[in-house]
């Protein structure tokens, strides 16, 4: 009798486990997770687009996945590694470049979205061995420590001077606020911007 009860219990347990597993497999088959579906679609191959850019004065044409950011195109396809990948979320400003004269966060900008436009990176500021006035001011004012954020800081500084936002220390700080310096060299950065502006 006791043995019969134990056999019934095992059968019930086995039945419940088998039923639960079958129900789970059916649900997965009928409703695949979006992430899995997206990965499968990506593996199948996204369309490639031709992206024509004028980078630092040179015409460049790239065949890219339309999801590639301008930052990754610059660093990985054109070997312009001066533009830094910091947070990759548009929060630190290390990836700042100029597109048609306006500063943009290249980590949030699709390369395909700026096709046909002029892109200037930190490598395009100097004239040969002659530094841009903002670059010289950063050196003279010691406006860098580790240097990781410096390309983005310089690109933002050049833009804000051209935009006319370097009238006061408060204005400079406000319009440079999107560029984070983890070393805390903000005072020297402000001094460098003011020096470059006065020399412009």
C-alpha atoms as a PDB file:
ATOM      1  CA  UNK A   1       0.000   0.000   0.000  1.00  0.00           C
ATOM      2  CA  UNK A   2       2.784   2.369   0.982  1.00  0.00           C
ATOM      3  CA  UNK A   3       4.678   1.377  -2.159  1.00  0.00           C
ATOM      4  CA  UNK A   4       1.594   2.083  -4.315  1.00  0.00           C
ATOM      5  CA  UNK A   5       1.312   5.598  -2.751  1.00  0.00           C
ATOM      6  CA  UNK A   6       4.963   6.340  -3.524  1.00  0.00           C
ATOM      7  CA  UNK A   7       4.480   5.273  -7.173  1.00  0.00           C
ATOM      8  CA  UNK A   8       1.451   7.550  -7.489  1.00  0.00           C
ATOM      9  CA  UNK A   9       3.423  10.495  -6.043  1.00  0.00           C
ATOM     10  CA  UNK A  10       6.286  10.026  -8.499  1.00  0.00           C
ATOM     11  CA  UNK A  11       3.826   9.815 -11.359  1.00  0.00           C
ATOM     12  CA  UNK A  12       2.067  13.006 -10.301  1.00  0.00           C
ATOM     13  CA  UNK A  13       5.411  14.829  -9.922  1.00  0.00           C
ATOM     14  CA  UNK A  14       6.614  13.593 -13.294  1.00  0.00           C
ATOM     15  CA  UNK A  15       3.365  14.605 -14.936  1.00  0.00           C
ATOM     16  CA  UNK A  16       3.508  18.131 -13.441  1.00  0.00           C
ATOM     17  CA  UNK A  17       7.156  18.665 -14.445  1.00  0.00           C
ATOM     18  CA  UNK A  18       6.520  17.439 -17.988  1.00  0.00           C
ATOM     19  CA  UNK A  19       3.422  19.645 -18.328  1.00  0.00           C
ATOM     20  CA  UNK A  20       5.246  22.744 -17.059  1.00  0.00           C
ATOM     21  CA  UNK A  21       8.161  22.182 -19.432  1.00  0.00           C
ATOM     22  CA  UNK A  22       5.824  21.684 -22.401  1.00  0.00           C
ATOM     23  CA  UNK A  23       3.876  24.839 -21.557  1.00  0.00           C
ATOM     24  CA  UNK A  24       7.082  26.856 -21.278  1.00  0.00           C
ATOM     25  CA  UNK A  25       8.405  25.643 -24.619  1.00  0.00           C
ATOM     26  CA  UNK A  26       5.092  26.430 -26.294  1.00  0.00           C
ATOM     27  CA  UNK A  27       5.129  29.988 -24.873  1.00  0.00           C
ATOM     28  CA  UNK A  28       8.705  30.577 -26.070  1.00  0.00           C
ATOM     29  CA  UNK A  29       7.910  29.230 -29.536  1.00  0.00           C
ATOM     30  CA  UNK A  30       4.823  31.439 -29.885  1.00  0.00           C
ATOM     31  CA  UNK A  31       6.304  34.606 -28.329  1.00  0.00           C
ATOM     32  CA  UNK A  32      10.079  34.901 -28.856  1.00  0.00           C
ATOM     33  CA  UNK A  33      11.796  37.617 -26.831  1.00  0.00           C
ATOM     34  CA  UNK A  34      12.381  40.821 -28.859  1.00  0.00           C
ATOM     35  CA  UNK A  35      16.089  40.848 -27.956  1.00  0.00           C
ATOM     36  CA  UNK A  36      16.507  37.353 -29.395  1.00  0.00           C
ATOM     37  CA  UNK A  37      14.586  38.312 -32.524  1.00  0.00           C
ATOM     38  CA  UNK A  38      16.670  41.472 -32.943  1.00  0.00           C
ATOM     39  CA  UNK A  39      19.907  39.532 -32.512  1.00  0.00           C
ATOM     40  CA  UNK A  40      18.791  37.000 -35.098  1.00  0.00           C
ATOM     41  CA  UNK A  41      17.907  39.791 -37.522  1.00  0.00           C
ATOM     42  CA  UNK A  42      21.298  41.434 -36.930  1.00  0.00           C
ATOM     43  CA  UNK A  43      23.094  38.137 -37.526  1.00  0.00           C
ATOM     44  CA  UNK A  44      21.251  37.781 -40.820  1.00  0.00           C
ATOM     45  CA  UNK A  45      22.963  41.025 -41.869  1.00  0.00           C
ATOM     46  CA  UNK A  46      21.680  44.578 -41.904  1.00  0.00           C
ATOM     47  CA  UNK A  47      21.773  46.589 -45.118  1.00  0.00           C
ATOM     48  CA  UNK A  48      25.060  48.348 -45.750  1.00  0.00           C
ATOM     49  CA  UNK A  49      24.969  52.044 -46.637  1.00  0.00           C
ATOM     50  CA  UNK A  50      27.522  54.217 -48.365  1.00  0.00           C
ATOM     51  CA  UNK A  51      28.483  57.186 -46.197  1.00  0.00           C
ATOM     52  CA  UNK A  52      30.363  60.073 -47.828  1.00  0.00           C
ATOM     53  CA  UNK A  53      32.073  62.440 -45.407  1.00  0.00           C
ATOM     54  CA  UNK A  54      34.589  65.230 -45.625  1.00  0.00           C
ATOM     55  CA  UNK A  55      36.758  64.501 -42.605  1.00  0.00           C
ATOM     56  CA  UNK A  56      39.381  67.100 -41.699  1.00  0.00           C
ATOM     57  CA  UNK A  57      39.271  68.391 -45.270  1.00  0.00           C
ATOM     58  CA  UNK A  58      39.573  64.990 -46.970  1.00  0.00           C
ATOM     59  CA  UNK A  59      36.748  63.229 -48.795  1.00  0.00           C
ATOM     60  CA  UNK A  60      36.118  59.779 -47.333  1.00  0.00           C
ATOM     61  CA  UNK A  61      33.563  57.172 -48.387  1.00  0.00           C
ATOM     62  CA  UNK A  62      32.715  54.289 -46.060  1.00  0.00           C
ATOM     63  CA  UNK A  63      30.472  51.244 -46.408  1.00  0.00           C
ATOM     64  CA  UNK A  64      28.808  50.948 -43.016  1.00  0.00           C
ATOM     65  CA  UNK A  65      26.039  49.260 -41.131  1.00  0.00           C
ATOM     66  CA  UNK A  66      23.462  52.081 -40.726  1.00  0.00           C
ATOM     67  CA  UNK A  67      23.644  51.632 -36.940  1.00  0.00           C
ATOM     68  CA  UNK A  68      27.346  52.591 -36.701  1.00  0.00           C
ATOM     69  CA  UNK A  69      27.954  55.783 -34.751  1.00  0.00           C
ATOM     70  CA  UNK A  70      30.121  58.576 -36.039  1.00  0.00           C
ATOM     71  CA  UNK A  71      32.467  57.932 -33.089  1.00  0.00           C
ATOM     72  CA  UNK A  72      33.008  54.295 -34.054  1.00  0.00           C
ATOM     73  CA  UNK A  73      33.401  55.167 -37.732  1.00  0.00           C
ATOM     74  CA  UNK A  74      36.088  57.735 -36.899  1.00  0.00           C
ATOM     75  CA  UNK A  75      37.984  55.521 -34.466  1.00  0.00           C
ATOM     76  CA  UNK A  76      37.611  52.064 -35.998  1.00  0.00           C
ATOM     77  CA  UNK A  77      37.357  52.753 -39.725  1.00  0.00           C
ATOM     78  CA  UNK A  78      39.406  55.934 -40.164  1.00  0.00           C
ATOM     79  CA  UNK A  79      41.935  55.421 -37.319  1.00  0.00           C
ATOM     80  CA  UNK A  80      41.202  58.900 -35.919  1.00  0.00           C
ATOM     81  CA  UNK A  81      41.549  57.874 -32.291  1.00  0.00           C
ATOM     82  CA  UNK A  82      41.976  61.380 -30.877  1.00  0.00           C
ATOM     83  CA  UNK A  83      38.206  61.491 -30.402  1.00  0.00           C
ATOM     84  CA  UNK A  84      37.671  59.518 -27.203  1.00  0.00           C
ATOM     85  CA  UNK A  85      35.008  57.016 -26.234  1.00  0.00           C
ATOM     86  CA  UNK A  86      34.245  57.903 -22.629  1.00  0.00           C
ATOM     87  CA  UNK A  87      30.775  57.103 -21.351  1.00  0.00           C
ATOM     88  CA  UNK A  88      29.341  56.187 -24.802  1.00  0.00           C
ATOM     89  CA  UNK A  89      26.063  57.708 -23.563  1.00  0.00           C
ATOM     90  CA  UNK A  90      26.451  61.395 -24.412  1.00  0.00           C
ATOM     91  CA  UNK A  91      27.138  62.424 -20.822  1.00  0.00           C
ATOM     92  CA  UNK A  92      30.885  63.187 -20.668  1.00  0.00           C
ATOM     93  CA  UNK A  93      31.670  65.123 -23.864  1.00  0.00           C
ATOM     94  CA  UNK A  94      34.942  63.276 -24.578  1.00  0.00           C
ATOM     95  CA  UNK A  95      33.686  62.404 -28.073  1.00  0.00           C
ATOM     96  CA  UNK A  96      32.882  65.985 -29.165  1.00  0.00           C
ATOM     97  CA  UNK A  97      33.576  66.776 -32.824  1.00  0.00           C
ATOM     98  CA  UNK A  98      32.351  69.466 -35.216  1.00  0.00           C
ATOM     99  CA  UNK A  99      29.846  68.646 -37.958  1.00  0.00           C
ATOM    100  CA  UNK A 100      29.326  71.484 -40.427  1.00  0.00           C
ATOM    101  CA  UNK A 101      30.765  73.870 -37.836  1.00  0.00           C
ATOM    102  CA  UNK A 102      28.563  72.774 -34.935  1.00  0.00           C
ATOM    103  CA  UNK A 103      29.727  70.652 -32.033  1.00  0.00           C
ATOM    104  CA  UNK A 104      28.083  67.265 -31.693  1.00  0.00           C
ATOM    105  CA  UNK A 105      28.492  64.224 -29.476  1.00  0.00           C
ATOM    106  CA  UNK A 106      29.753  61.653 -31.926  1.00  0.00           C
ATOM    107  CA  UNK A 107      28.756  58.718 -29.705  1.00  0.00           C
ATOM    108  CA  UNK A 108      25.081  59.713 -30.148  1.00  0.00           C
ATOM    109  CA  UNK A 109      25.349  60.602 -33.842  1.00  0.00           C
ATOM    110  CA  UNK A 110      24.866  57.989 -36.548  1.00  0.00           C
ATOM    111  CA  UNK A 111      27.515  58.190 -39.251  1.00  0.00           C
ATOM    112  CA  UNK A 112      24.844  57.696 -41.905  1.00  0.00           C
ATOM    113  CA  UNK A 113      22.976  60.698 -40.502  1.00  0.00           C
ATOM    114  CA  UNK A 114      25.833  63.070 -41.318  1.00  0.00           C
ATOM    115  CA  UNK A 115      26.614  61.760 -44.798  1.00  0.00           C
ATOM    116  CA  UNK A 116      27.604  64.607 -47.093  1.00  0.00           C
ATOM    117  CA  UNK A 117      28.679  66.841 -44.213  1.00  0.00           C
ATOM    118  CA  UNK A 118      32.049  68.180 -43.090  1.00  0.00           C
ATOM    119  CA  UNK A 119      33.485  66.650 -39.920  1.00  0.00           C
ATOM    120  CA  UNK A 120      36.367  68.154 -37.966  1.00  0.00           C
ATOM    121  CA  UNK A 121      38.087  66.107 -35.263  1.00  0.00           C
ATOM    122  CA  UNK A 122      40.865  67.066 -32.869  1.00  0.00           C
ATOM    123  CA  UNK A 123      43.363  65.832 -35.498  1.00  0.00           C
ATOM    124  CA  UNK A 124      42.058  68.446 -37.927  1.00  0.00           C
ATOM    125  CA  UNK A 125      42.582  71.527 -35.729  1.00  0.00           C
ATOM    126  CA  UNK A 126      46.336  71.981 -35.970  1.00  0.00           C
ATOM    127  CA  UNK A 127      48.006  73.273 -39.123  1.00  0.00           C
ATOM    128  CA  UNK A 128      50.849  70.797 -39.433  1.00  0.00           C
ATOM    129  CA  UNK A 129      53.083  71.382 -36.400  1.00  0.00           C
ATOM    130  CA  UNK A 130      51.358  74.675 -35.641  1.00  0.00           C
ATOM    131  CA  UNK A 131      48.780  74.179 -32.898  1.00  0.00           C
ATOM    132  CA  UNK A 132      45.362  75.805 -32.980  1.00  0.00           C
ATOM    133  CA  UNK A 133      45.212  78.805 -30.570  1.00  0.00           C
ATOM    134  CA  UNK A 134      42.921  76.840 -28.225  1.00  0.00           C
ATOM    135  CA  UNK A 135      45.354  73.921 -28.168  1.00  0.00           C
ATOM    136  CA  UNK A 136      48.233  76.297 -27.399  1.00  0.00           C
ATOM    137  CA  UNK A 137      46.218  77.919 -24.605  1.00  0.00           C
ATOM    138  CA  UNK A 138      45.449  74.527 -23.042  1.00  0.00           C
ATOM    139  CA  UNK A 139      49.183  73.756 -23.000  1.00  0.00           C
ATOM    140  CA  UNK A 140      50.163  77.152 -21.601  1.00  0.00           C
ATOM    141  CA  UNK A 141      47.460  77.138 -18.899  1.00  0.00           C
ATOM    142  CA  UNK A 142      48.054  73.481 -18.015  1.00  0.00           C
ATOM    143  CA  UNK A 143      44.416  72.795 -18.853  1.00  0.00           C
ATOM    144  CA  UNK A 144      44.820  69.040 -18.720  1.00  0.00           C
ATOM    145  CA  UNK A 145      45.968  66.325 -16.366  1.00  0.00           C
ATOM    146  CA  UNK A 146      45.402  62.777 -17.584  1.00  0.00           C
ATOM    147  CA  UNK A 147      44.412  64.202 -20.993  1.00  0.00           C
ATOM    148  CA  UNK A 148      41.615  61.751 -21.752  1.00  0.00           C
ATOM    149  CA  UNK A 149      38.902  64.423 -21.875  1.00  0.00           C
ATOM    150  CA  UNK A 150      41.140  67.044 -23.504  1.00  0.00           C
ATOM    151  CA  UNK A 151      40.192  66.447 -27.177  1.00  0.00           C
ATOM    152  CA  UNK A 152      36.510  66.912 -26.359  1.00  0.00           C
ATOM    153  CA  UNK A 153      37.259  69.913 -24.127  1.00  0.00           C
ATOM    154  CA  UNK A 154      39.301  71.567 -26.890  1.00  0.00           C
ATOM    155  CA  UNK A 155      36.651  70.919 -29.547  1.00  0.00           C
ATOM    156  CA  UNK A 156      33.945  72.405 -27.299  1.00  0.00           C
ATOM    157  CA  UNK A 157      36.154  75.387 -26.446  1.00  0.00           C
ATOM    158  CA  UNK A 158      36.798  76.142 -30.127  1.00  0.00           C
ATOM    159  CA  UNK A 159      33.061  75.979 -30.824  1.00  0.00           C
ATOM    160  CA  UNK A 160      31.954  78.141 -27.908  1.00  0.00           C
ATOM    161  CA  UNK A 161      34.454  80.868 -28.839  1.00  0.00           C
ATOM    162  CA  UNK A 162      33.125  80.813 -32.419  1.00  0.00           C
ATOM    163  CA  UNK A 163      29.551  80.820 -31.085  1.00  0.00           C
ATOM    164  CA  UNK A 164      30.299  83.914 -28.979  1.00  0.00           C
ATOM    165  CA  UNK A 165      29.828  82.293 -25.566  1.00  0.00           C
ATOM    166  CA  UNK A 166      33.182  83.139 -24.006  1.00  0.00           C
ATOM    167  CA  UNK A 167      32.279  86.573 -22.624  1.00  0.00           C
ATOM    168  CA  UNK A 168      32.701  85.732 -18.939  1.00  0.00           C
ATOM    169  CA  UNK A 169      33.905  82.938 -16.700  1.00  0.00           C
ATOM    170  CA  UNK A 170      30.312  82.058 -15.793  1.00  0.00           C
ATOM    171  CA  UNK A 171      29.330  81.908 -19.460  1.00  0.00           C
ATOM    172  CA  UNK A 172      32.318  79.709 -20.303  1.00  0.00           C
ATOM    173  CA  UNK A 173      31.502  77.334 -17.442  1.00  0.00           C
ATOM    174  CA  UNK A 174      27.863  77.153 -18.551  1.00  0.00           C
ATOM    175  CA  UNK A 175      28.670  76.381 -22.179  1.00  0.00           C
ATOM    176  CA  UNK A 176      31.452  73.919 -21.284  1.00  0.00           C
ATOM    177  CA  UNK A 177      29.268  72.094 -18.754  1.00  0.00           C
ATOM    178  CA  UNK A 178      28.680  69.179 -21.108  1.00  0.00           C
ATOM    179  CA  UNK A 179      32.368  68.294 -20.938  1.00  0.00           C
ATOM    180  CA  UNK A 180      33.432  66.472 -17.787  1.00  0.00           C
ATOM    181  CA  UNK A 181      37.015  66.494 -16.492  1.00  0.00           C
ATOM    182  CA  UNK A 182      37.411  63.674 -13.988  1.00  0.00           C
ATOM    183  CA  UNK A 183      40.756  65.160 -12.879  1.00  0.00           C
ATOM    184  CA  UNK A 184      39.052  68.451 -11.973  1.00  0.00           C
ATOM    185  CA  UNK A 185      41.140  70.832 -14.087  1.00  0.00           C
ATOM    186  CA  UNK A 186      38.166  73.134 -14.633  1.00  0.00           C
ATOM    187  CA  UNK A 187      39.836  76.345 -13.490  1.00  0.00           C
ATOM    188  CA  UNK A 188      42.742  75.893 -15.891  1.00  0.00           C
ATOM    189  CA  UNK A 189      40.331  74.976 -18.694  1.00  0.00           C
ATOM    190  CA  UNK A 190      38.405  78.216 -18.158  1.00  0.00           C
ATOM    191  CA  UNK A 191      41.681  80.164 -18.150  1.00  0.00           C
ATOM    192  CA  UNK A 192      42.689  78.481 -21.414  1.00  0.00           C
ATOM    193  CA  UNK A 193      39.388  79.382 -23.062  1.00  0.00           C
ATOM    194  CA  UNK A 194      39.701  83.004 -21.951  1.00  0.00           C
ATOM    195  CA  UNK A 195      43.303  83.198 -23.178  1.00  0.00           C
ATOM    196  CA  UNK A 196      42.370  81.730 -26.572  1.00  0.00           C
ATOM    197  CA  UNK A 197      39.399  84.081 -26.864  1.00  0.00           C
ATOM    198  CA  UNK A 198      41.490  87.151 -26.070  1.00  0.00           C
ATOM    199  CA  UNK A 199      44.071  86.082 -28.615  1.00  0.00           C
ATOM    200  CA  UNK A 200      41.459  85.439 -31.305  1.00  0.00           C
END
